[in-house]
Amino acid sequence: RGTVSPRTQSTLVAEISGKITEVADKLREGGFFEPDDLLVSIDPRNYESAVSIAQAELAQQKVSLNQEKARSRQADDDWQRLGTGSKASDLVLRKPQMASSRAAVSAADAQLKQARTDLDRTKIAAPYAGRVLEKKVDVGQYVRSGEVLASIYAIDYVEVKLPLSASQLEQLQLPEHYRGEK
């Protein structure tokens, strides 16, 4: 007597919060699925709005950066026209303001990437070909980030654990990598 268990077993977990709008027919106990099959959809509207807001913020920060570049050029031109012969300070040339504006563009770009990632996370797909062990959610349910949606396992390989003596193991004539050796 022994035990058979899947080599790969996972829990599908929501990475974002929201209301479940769709659950695939395949997501039922005993149901089979293929890699990349859509299993659960979370309402994307809030995340689509976040992408739009982040895009607008990035555009605004880019405008601010371009304005700051123009101010910096103008400050350099004004300094040159004064003709004092000395070198203008970083503050006169607005270098700290330029650095701040560049940082704001980088931050807005990062926020946009995060918003897009969160939007992508509204679609939960199968990571491999497998079978559903347990379904824990349904349409209309609100889930929080980190909440378990289902337990699944891969159907590609199973592990069979048998209590065998050394003499019984020798009779199986398995390749070395199947004997627990790597």
C-alpha atoms as a PDB file:
ATOM      1  CA  ARG A   1       0.000   0.000   0.000  1.00  0.00           C
ATOM      2  CA  GLY A   2       1.197   3.460  -0.813  1.00  0.00           C
ATOM      3  CA  THR A   3       0.073   6.974  -1.578  1.00  0.00           C
ATOM      4  CA  VAL A   4      -0.272   8.756  -4.896  1.00  0.00           C
ATOM      5  CA  SER A   5       0.038  12.533  -4.870  1.00  0.00           C
ATOM      6  CA  PRO A   6       0.524  15.190  -7.527  1.00  0.00           C
ATOM      7  CA  ARG A   7       4.044  16.476  -7.944  1.00  0.00           C
ATOM      8  CA  THR A   8       2.685  20.032  -8.232  1.00  0.00           C
ATOM      9  CA  GLN A   9      -0.187  21.310  -6.122  1.00  0.00           C
ATOM     10  CA  SER A  10      -1.088  24.990  -5.785  1.00  0.00           C
ATOM     11  CA  THR A  11      -3.626  27.392  -4.436  1.00  0.00           C
ATOM     12  CA  LEU A  12      -4.988  30.098  -6.714  1.00  0.00           C
ATOM     13  CA  VAL A  13      -4.855  33.334  -4.770  1.00  0.00           C
ATOM     14  CA  ALA A  14      -6.302  36.754  -5.588  1.00  0.00           C
ATOM     15  CA  GLU A  15      -3.496  39.292  -5.916  1.00  0.00           C
ATOM     16  CA  ILE A  16      -5.974  42.182  -5.886  1.00  0.00           C
ATOM     17  CA  SER A  17      -9.311  42.908  -4.254  1.00  0.00           C
ATOM     18  CA  GLY A  18     -12.629  43.058  -6.047  1.00  0.00           C
ATOM     19  CA  LYS A  19     -15.909  41.434  -6.961  1.00  0.00           C
ATOM     20  CA  ILE A  20     -15.749  38.214  -8.967  1.00  0.00           C
ATOM     21  CA  THR A  21     -17.549  38.732 -12.276  1.00  0.00           C
ATOM     22  CA  GLU A  22     -16.813  35.406 -13.946  1.00  0.00           C
ATOM     23  CA  VAL A  23     -15.900  31.869 -12.932  1.00  0.00           C
ATOM     24  CA  ALA A  24     -15.052  29.412 -15.702  1.00  0.00           C
ATOM     25  CA  ASP A  25     -17.138  26.257 -15.980  1.00  0.00           C
ATOM     26  CA  LYS A  26     -13.843  24.351 -15.655  1.00  0.00           C
ATOM     27  CA  LEU A  27     -13.371  25.735 -12.149  1.00  0.00           C
ATOM     28  CA  ARG A  28     -15.409  23.080 -10.375  1.00  0.00           C
ATOM     29  CA  GLU A  29     -14.219  20.251  -8.180  1.00  0.00           C
ATOM     30  CA  GLY A  30     -12.780  17.604 -10.477  1.00  0.00           C
ATOM     31  CA  GLY A  31     -12.749  19.961 -13.483  1.00  0.00           C
ATOM     32  CA  PHE A  32      -9.831  19.843 -15.923  1.00  0.00           C
ATOM     33  CA  PHE A  33      -8.104  22.903 -17.354  1.00  0.00           C
ATOM     34  CA  GLU A  34      -5.264  23.692 -19.743  1.00  0.00           C
ATOM     35  CA  PRO A  35      -2.365  26.119 -19.284  1.00  0.00           C
ATOM     36  CA  ASP A  36      -3.457  29.765 -19.553  1.00  0.00           C
ATOM     37  CA  ASP A  37      -7.181  28.937 -19.397  1.00  0.00           C
ATOM     38  CA  LEU A  38      -9.038  31.829 -17.774  1.00  0.00           C
ATOM     39  CA  LEU A  39     -10.444  30.519 -14.492  1.00  0.00           C
ATOM     40  CA  VAL A  40     -11.612  33.617 -12.595  1.00  0.00           C
ATOM     41  CA  SER A  41     -12.244  37.262 -13.519  1.00  0.00           C
ATOM     42  CA  ILE A  42     -12.385  40.102 -11.019  1.00  0.00           C
ATOM     43  CA  ASP A  43     -14.261  43.303 -11.890  1.00  0.00           C
ATOM     44  CA  PRO A  44     -11.653  45.388 -13.767  1.00  0.00           C
ATOM     45  CA  ARG A  45     -13.405  48.794 -13.680  1.00  0.00           C
ATOM     46  CA  ASN A  46     -11.529  50.246 -10.696  1.00  0.00           C
ATOM     47  CA  TYR A  47      -8.235  49.041 -12.155  1.00  0.00           C
ATOM     48  CA  GLU A  48      -9.023  50.455 -15.611  1.00  0.00           C
ATOM     49  CA  SER A  49      -9.719  53.810 -13.948  1.00  0.00           C
ATOM     50  CA  ALA A  50      -6.424  53.584 -12.065  1.00  0.00           C
ATOM     51  CA  VAL A  51      -4.599  53.044 -15.378  1.00  0.00           C
ATOM     52  CA  SER A  52      -6.306  56.101 -16.903  1.00  0.00           C
ATOM     53  CA  ILE A  53      -5.459  58.241 -13.881  1.00  0.00           C
ATOM     54  CA  ALA A  54      -1.846  57.055 -13.920  1.00  0.00           C
ATOM     55  CA  GLN A  55      -1.567  57.792 -17.657  1.00  0.00           C
ATOM     56  CA  ALA A  56      -2.868  61.321 -17.066  1.00  0.00           C
ATOM     57  CA  GLU A  57      -0.444  61.834 -14.176  1.00  0.00           C
ATOM     58  CA  LEU A  58       2.485  60.655 -16.301  1.00  0.00           C
ATOM     59  CA  ALA A  59       1.472  62.996 -19.122  1.00  0.00           C
ATOM     60  CA  GLN A  60       1.221  65.900 -16.663  1.00  0.00           C
ATOM     61  CA  GLN A  61       4.629  65.152 -15.171  1.00  0.00           C
ATOM     62  CA  LYS A  62       6.178  65.001 -18.661  1.00  0.00           C
ATOM     63  CA  VAL A  63       4.703  68.435 -19.430  1.00  0.00           C
ATOM     64  CA  SER A  64       6.158  69.756 -16.166  1.00  0.00           C
ATOM     65  CA  LEU A  65       9.555  68.276 -17.044  1.00  0.00           C
ATOM     66  CA  ASN A  66       9.493  69.922 -20.485  1.00  0.00           C
ATOM     67  CA  GLN A  67       8.561  73.252 -18.889  1.00  0.00           C
ATOM     68  CA  GLU A  68      11.410  72.879 -16.411  1.00  0.00           C
ATOM     69  CA  LYS A  69      13.835  72.118 -19.257  1.00  0.00           C
ATOM     70  CA  ALA A  70      12.708  75.322 -21.004  1.00  0.00           C
ATOM     71  CA  ARG A  71      13.176  77.324 -17.787  1.00  0.00           C
ATOM     72  CA  SER A  72      16.639  75.849 -17.360  1.00  0.00           C
ATOM     73  CA  ARG A  73      17.648  76.770 -20.917  1.00  0.00           C
ATOM     74  CA  GLN A  74      16.247  80.259 -20.436  1.00  0.00           C
ATOM     75  CA  ALA A  75      18.146  80.654 -17.173  1.00  0.00           C
ATOM     76  CA  ASP A  76      21.370  79.577 -18.909  1.00  0.00           C
ATOM     77  CA  ASP A  77      20.726  82.021 -21.776  1.00  0.00           C
ATOM     78  CA  ASP A  78      20.035  84.845 -19.316  1.00  0.00           C
ATOM     79  CA  TRP A  79      23.226  84.054 -17.404  1.00  0.00           C
ATOM     80  CA  GLN A  80      25.277  84.057 -20.620  1.00  0.00           C
ATOM     81  CA  ARG A  81      23.779  87.422 -21.651  1.00  0.00           C
ATOM     82  CA  LEU A  82      24.819  88.948 -18.354  1.00  0.00           C
ATOM     83  CA  GLY A  83      28.359  88.170 -19.426  1.00  0.00           C
ATOM     84  CA  THR A  84      29.912  88.072 -15.957  1.00  0.00           C
ATOM     85  CA  GLY A  85      32.290  85.333 -17.104  1.00  0.00           C
ATOM     86  CA  SER A  86      31.667  83.267 -14.016  1.00  0.00           C
ATOM     87  CA  LYS A  87      30.033  79.880 -14.057  1.00  0.00           C
ATOM     88  CA  ALA A  88      26.343  79.775 -13.131  1.00  0.00           C
ATOM     89  CA  SER A  89      25.433  77.814 -10.026  1.00  0.00           C
ATOM     90  CA  ASP A  90      23.298  74.690 -10.212  1.00  0.00           C
ATOM     91  CA  LEU A  91      20.498  76.555  -8.494  1.00  0.00           C
ATOM     92  CA  VAL A  92      20.572  79.358 -11.069  1.00  0.00           C
ATOM     93  CA  LEU A  93      20.456  76.761 -13.855  1.00  0.00           C
ATOM     94  CA  ARG A  94      17.541  75.058 -12.063  1.00  0.00           C
ATOM     95  CA  LYS A  95      19.307  71.686 -11.851  1.00  0.00           C
ATOM     96  CA  PRO A  96      17.628  70.688  -8.544  1.00  0.00           C
ATOM     97  CA  GLN A  97      14.230  71.483 -10.048  1.00  0.00           C
ATOM     98  CA  MET A  98      15.121  69.422 -13.134  1.00  0.00           C
ATOM     99  CA  ALA A  99      16.144  66.476 -10.963  1.00  0.00           C
ATOM    100  CA  SER A 100      12.900  66.753  -9.005  1.00  0.00           C
ATOM    101  CA  SER A 101      10.873  66.892 -12.195  1.00  0.00           C
ATOM    102  CA  ARG A 102      12.683  63.844 -13.627  1.00  0.00           C
ATOM    103  CA  ALA A 103      12.004  61.957 -10.389  1.00  0.00           C
ATOM    104  CA  ALA A 104       8.311  62.870 -10.621  1.00  0.00           C
ATOM    105  CA  VAL A 105       8.207  61.467 -14.180  1.00  0.00           C
ATOM    106  CA  SER A 106       9.872  58.252 -12.984  1.00  0.00           C
ATOM    107  CA  ALA A 107       7.415  57.930 -10.091  1.00  0.00           C
ATOM    108  CA  ALA A 108       4.426  58.507 -12.385  1.00  0.00           C
ATOM    109  CA  ASP A 109       5.790  55.912 -14.815  1.00  0.00           C
ATOM    110  CA  ALA A 110       6.158  53.402 -11.965  1.00  0.00           C
ATOM    111  CA  GLN A 111       2.582  54.104 -10.840  1.00  0.00           C
ATOM    112  CA  LEU A 112       1.356  53.471 -14.385  1.00  0.00           C
ATOM    113  CA  LYS A 113       3.224  50.164 -14.553  1.00  0.00           C
ATOM    114  CA  GLN A 114       1.731  49.124 -11.200  1.00  0.00           C
ATOM    115  CA  ALA A 115      -1.767  50.093 -12.332  1.00  0.00           C
ATOM    116  CA  ARG A 116      -1.352  48.025 -15.503  1.00  0.00           C
ATOM    117  CA  THR A 117      -0.046  45.082 -13.480  1.00  0.00           C
ATOM    118  CA  ASP A 118      -3.053  45.295 -11.157  1.00  0.00           C
ATOM    119  CA  LEU A 119      -5.374  45.409 -14.179  1.00  0.00           C
ATOM    120  CA  ASP A 120      -3.710  42.279 -15.566  1.00  0.00           C
ATOM    121  CA  ARG A 121      -4.288  40.591 -12.209  1.00  0.00           C
ATOM    122  CA  THR A 122      -8.067  40.852 -12.668  1.00  0.00           C
ATOM    123  CA  LYS A 123      -7.754  37.808 -14.954  1.00  0.00           C
ATOM    124  CA  ILE A 124      -6.626  34.678 -13.100  1.00  0.00           C
ATOM    125  CA  ALA A 125      -5.431  31.978 -15.467  1.00  0.00           C
ATOM    126  CA  ALA A 126      -4.282  28.412 -15.037  1.00  0.00           C
ATOM    127  CA  PRO A 127      -0.507  28.182 -14.539  1.00  0.00           C
ATOM    128  CA  TYR A 128      -0.363  24.640 -15.968  1.00  0.00           C
ATOM    129  CA  ALA A 129      -2.592  21.815 -17.211  1.00  0.00           C
ATOM    130  CA  GLY A 130      -4.380  20.429 -14.215  1.00  0.00           C
ATOM    131  CA  ARG A 131      -7.435  19.593 -12.251  1.00  0.00           C
ATOM    132  CA  VAL A 132      -9.439  21.408  -9.595  1.00  0.00           C
ATOM    133  CA  LEU A 133      -9.240  19.931  -6.128  1.00  0.00           C
ATOM    134  CA  GLU A 134     -11.415  22.517  -4.376  1.00  0.00           C
ATOM    135  CA  LYS A 135     -13.314  25.628  -5.513  1.00  0.00           C
ATOM    136  CA  LYS A 136     -13.703  28.302  -2.833  1.00  0.00           C
ATOM    137  CA  VAL A 137     -15.363  31.241  -4.652  1.00  0.00           C
ATOM    138  CA  ASP A 138     -18.208  32.055  -6.993  1.00  0.00           C
ATOM    139  CA  VAL A 139     -19.630  34.900  -9.097  1.00  0.00           C
ATOM    140  CA  GLY A 140     -20.663  37.952  -7.095  1.00  0.00           C
ATOM    141  CA  GLN A 141     -18.361  37.219  -4.195  1.00  0.00           C
ATOM    142  CA  TYR A 142     -16.008  39.969  -3.050  1.00  0.00           C
ATOM    143  CA  VAL A 143     -12.432  38.786  -2.553  1.00  0.00           C
ATOM    144  CA  ARG A 144      -9.501  40.490  -0.906  1.00  0.00           C
ATOM    145  CA  SER A 145      -5.886  40.374  -1.927  1.00  0.00           C
ATOM    146  CA  GLY A 146      -4.360  37.145  -0.655  1.00  0.00           C
ATOM    147  CA  GLU A 147      -7.659  35.268  -0.463  1.00  0.00           C
ATOM    148  CA  VAL A 148      -7.610  31.663  -1.704  1.00  0.00           C
ATOM    149  CA  LEU A 149      -9.831  31.096  -4.750  1.00  0.00           C
ATOM    150  CA  ALA A 150      -9.220  27.402  -5.400  1.00  0.00           C
ATOM    151  CA  SER A 151      -6.885  24.482  -4.815  1.00  0.00           C
ATOM    152  CA  ILE A 152      -5.516  22.892  -7.973  1.00  0.00           C
ATOM    153  CA  TYR A 153      -2.949  20.328  -9.003  1.00  0.00           C
ATOM    154  CA  ALA A 154      -0.989  19.510 -12.133  1.00  0.00           C
ATOM    155  CA  ILE A 155      -1.796  16.373 -14.079  1.00  0.00           C
ATOM    156  CA  ASP A 156       1.581  15.947 -15.781  1.00  0.00           C
ATOM    157  CA  TYR A 157       3.258  13.802 -13.091  1.00  0.00           C
ATOM    158  CA  VAL A 158       2.353  12.053  -9.886  1.00  0.00           C
ATOM    159  CA  GLU A 159       4.518  10.783  -7.096  1.00  0.00           C
ATOM    160  CA  VAL A 160       3.931   7.305  -5.777  1.00  0.00           C
ATOM    161  CA  LYS A 161       5.235   6.706  -2.282  1.00  0.00           C
ATOM    162  CA  LEU A 162       5.570   3.077  -1.304  1.00  0.00           C
ATOM    163  CA  PRO A 163       7.147   1.586   1.789  1.00  0.00           C
ATOM    164  CA  LEU A 164       9.633  -0.792   0.114  1.00  0.00           C
ATOM    165  CA  SER A 165      12.572  -2.660   1.475  1.00  0.00           C
ATOM    166  CA  ALA A 166      15.932  -2.428  -0.303  1.00  0.00           C
ATOM    167  CA  SER A 167      15.441  -5.880  -1.853  1.00  0.00           C
ATOM    168  CA  GLN A 168      11.984  -4.927  -3.169  1.00  0.00           C
ATOM    169  CA  LEU A 169      13.372  -1.709  -4.648  1.00  0.00           C
ATOM    170  CA  GLU A 170      16.056  -3.632  -6.531  1.00  0.00           C
ATOM    171  CA  GLN A 171      13.372  -5.766  -8.190  1.00  0.00           C
ATOM    172  CA  LEU A 172      11.670  -2.710  -9.690  1.00  0.00           C
ATOM    173  CA  GLN A 173      14.608  -1.989 -12.060  1.00  0.00           C
ATOM    174  CA  LEU A 174      13.974   1.755 -12.107  1.00  0.00           C
ATOM    175  CA  PRO A 175      16.480   4.225 -13.532  1.00  0.00           C
ATOM    176  CA  GLU A 176      18.668   5.807 -10.841  1.00  0.00           C
ATOM    177  CA  HIS A 177      16.867   9.180 -10.869  1.00  0.00           C
ATOM    178  CA  TYR A 178      13.597   7.452  -9.904  1.00  0.00           C
ATOM    179  CA  ARG A 179      15.083   5.938  -6.762  1.00  0.00           C
ATOM    180  CA  GLY A 180      15.114   9.197  -4.900  1.00  0.00           C
ATOM    181  CA  GLU A 181      18.619   9.996  -6.105  1.00  0.00           C
ATOM    182  CA  LYS A 182      19.474  13.092  -8.091  1.00  0.00           C
END
